[in-house]
Protein backbone atom coordinates (compact mmCIF):
# COMPACT_ATOMS: atom_id res chain seq x y z
CA MET A 1 97.20 102.46 98.59
CA SER A 2 95.06 103.49 101.50
CA HIS A 3 91.40 102.69 101.78
CA HIS A 4 88.86 104.15 104.12
CA PRO A 5 87.32 101.42 106.28
CA LEU A 6 83.80 100.58 105.15
CA ASP A 7 81.01 101.01 107.61
CA PRO A 8 78.61 98.11 106.94
CA THR A 9 75.74 100.59 106.62
CA SER A 10 77.49 102.58 103.87
CA HIS A 11 78.61 99.68 101.69
CA THR A 12 77.78 101.11 98.29
CA ILE A 13 76.80 99.27 95.13
CA GLU A 14 80.16 100.24 93.62
CA MET A 15 82.01 98.39 96.37
CA GLN A 16 79.95 95.26 95.75
CA GLN A 17 80.54 95.51 92.00
CA ILE A 18 84.30 95.93 92.52
CA ASP A 19 84.31 92.79 94.70
CA GLU A 20 82.42 90.90 91.99
CA LEU A 21 84.83 92.08 89.27
CA ASN A 22 87.80 90.95 91.34
CA ALA A 23 86.18 87.55 91.97
CA ALA A 24 85.55 87.17 88.23
CA LEU A 25 89.14 88.18 87.41
CA ALA A 26 90.46 85.62 89.94
CA ALA A 27 88.24 82.79 88.69
CA LYS A 28 90.02 79.75 87.32
CA HIS A 29 88.83 80.22 83.72
CA ALA A 30 88.54 84.00 83.70
CA PRO A 31 88.90 85.65 80.32
CA THR A 32 92.02 87.75 79.83
CA VAL A 33 91.04 91.39 79.55
CA THR A 34 93.62 93.79 78.12
CA THR A 35 93.93 97.55 78.01
CA ALA A 36 93.10 97.28 74.28
CA ASP A 37 89.82 95.54 75.15
CA LEU A 38 88.94 98.55 77.32
CA GLY A 39 89.88 101.09 74.66
CA LEU A 40 92.94 102.27 76.58
CA THR A 41 95.67 101.64 73.99
CA GLY A 42 97.83 104.75 73.85
CA ALA A 43 96.52 106.18 77.12
CA PRO A 44 99.33 108.04 78.91
CA LEU A 45 100.83 106.42 81.99
CA PRO A 46 100.73 108.81 84.95
CA GLY A 47 104.19 109.96 86.00
CA SER A 48 105.96 108.02 83.24
CA GLY A 49 107.43 110.90 81.29
CA GLY A 50 105.31 110.38 78.19
CA GLN A 51 105.03 106.59 78.02
CA SER A 52 101.65 105.14 77.12
CA LEU A 53 99.78 101.85 77.34
CA SER A 54 100.61 99.37 74.59
CA GLY A 55 97.24 97.63 74.66
CA HIS A 56 98.79 94.35 75.84
CA GLU A 57 98.62 95.04 79.58
CA VAL A 58 96.21 92.71 81.39
CA VAL A 59 93.67 93.67 84.05
CA VAL A 60 94.87 92.03 87.26
CA LYS A 61 92.54 93.67 89.76
CA VAL A 62 90.16 96.58 90.32
CA SER A 63 90.63 98.86 93.31
CA TRP A 64 89.20 102.09 94.66
CA ARG A 65 90.48 105.21 96.36
CA GLY A 66 88.69 108.03 98.09
CA THR A 67 85.48 107.84 100.04
CA PRO A 68 83.13 104.87 99.79
CA ASP A 69 80.29 107.23 98.90
CA PHE A 70 82.03 108.43 95.72
CA PRO A 71 85.14 106.34 95.02
CA ASP A 72 87.62 106.69 92.20
CA ILE A 73 87.92 103.24 90.61
CA TYR A 74 91.23 102.06 89.22
CA GLY A 75 92.28 99.21 87.01
CA GLU A 76 95.48 97.52 88.09
CA PHE A 77 97.34 96.21 85.06
CA GLY A 78 100.28 93.85 84.64
CA ALA A 79 102.01 91.70 82.08
CA ALA A 80 100.12 88.77 80.58
CA GLY A 81 100.39 85.74 82.89
CA SER A 82 101.31 87.87 85.91
CA THR A 83 99.22 88.45 89.02
CA GLN A 84 101.30 91.50 89.99
CA ALA A 85 100.11 94.93 88.92
CA SER A 86 102.70 97.34 87.58
CA THR A 87 100.34 100.09 86.39
CA HIS A 88 97.29 101.71 87.98
CA LEU A 89 94.94 103.76 85.85
CA LEU A 90 91.68 105.52 86.67
CA LEU A 91 88.77 103.79 84.94
CA HIS A 92 85.82 105.74 83.60
CA THR A 93 82.24 104.57 83.17
CA ALA A 94 82.77 103.27 79.62
CA GLN A 95 85.73 101.12 80.69
CA LEU A 96 83.90 99.79 83.74
CA ARG A 97 80.89 98.87 81.63
CA GLU A 98 83.09 97.07 79.10
CA LEU A 99 85.03 95.25 81.82
CA SER A 100 81.79 94.06 83.40
CA HIS A 101 80.52 92.94 80.00
CA LEU A 102 83.73 91.04 79.17
CA LEU A 103 83.59 89.30 82.56
CA HIS A 104 79.91 88.40 82.04
CA GLN A 105 78.72 90.59 84.90
CA THR A 106 75.46 92.58 84.87
CA HIS A 107 76.67 95.73 86.64
CA HIS A 108 75.31 99.24 86.37
CA TRP A 109 78.00 101.94 86.29
CA GLY A 110 77.34 105.66 86.14
CA LEU A 111 74.01 107.36 86.21
């Protein structure tokens, strides 16, 4: 995954919120957040030939692609107990809001 380098003057609020989500996910007593918690059960897996999310995949990390001014934000999901992501899925505003809520963060996503 390639990222554009961030100019310190263009560090957007989304980038800060992504960093905070990742810190919360990495915290010692972080809650386990699954694809079911984010309403993604049954969502198709890109390039999988028709497979879909079971609802048991765990959010391991949040990442972004594109330009810092308007990034696409992805959830990186893996098996419970794993720190390795096996699936990347674009997250929409509703999922980002729920993830922030479940991780006890006060983020503002979307307009």
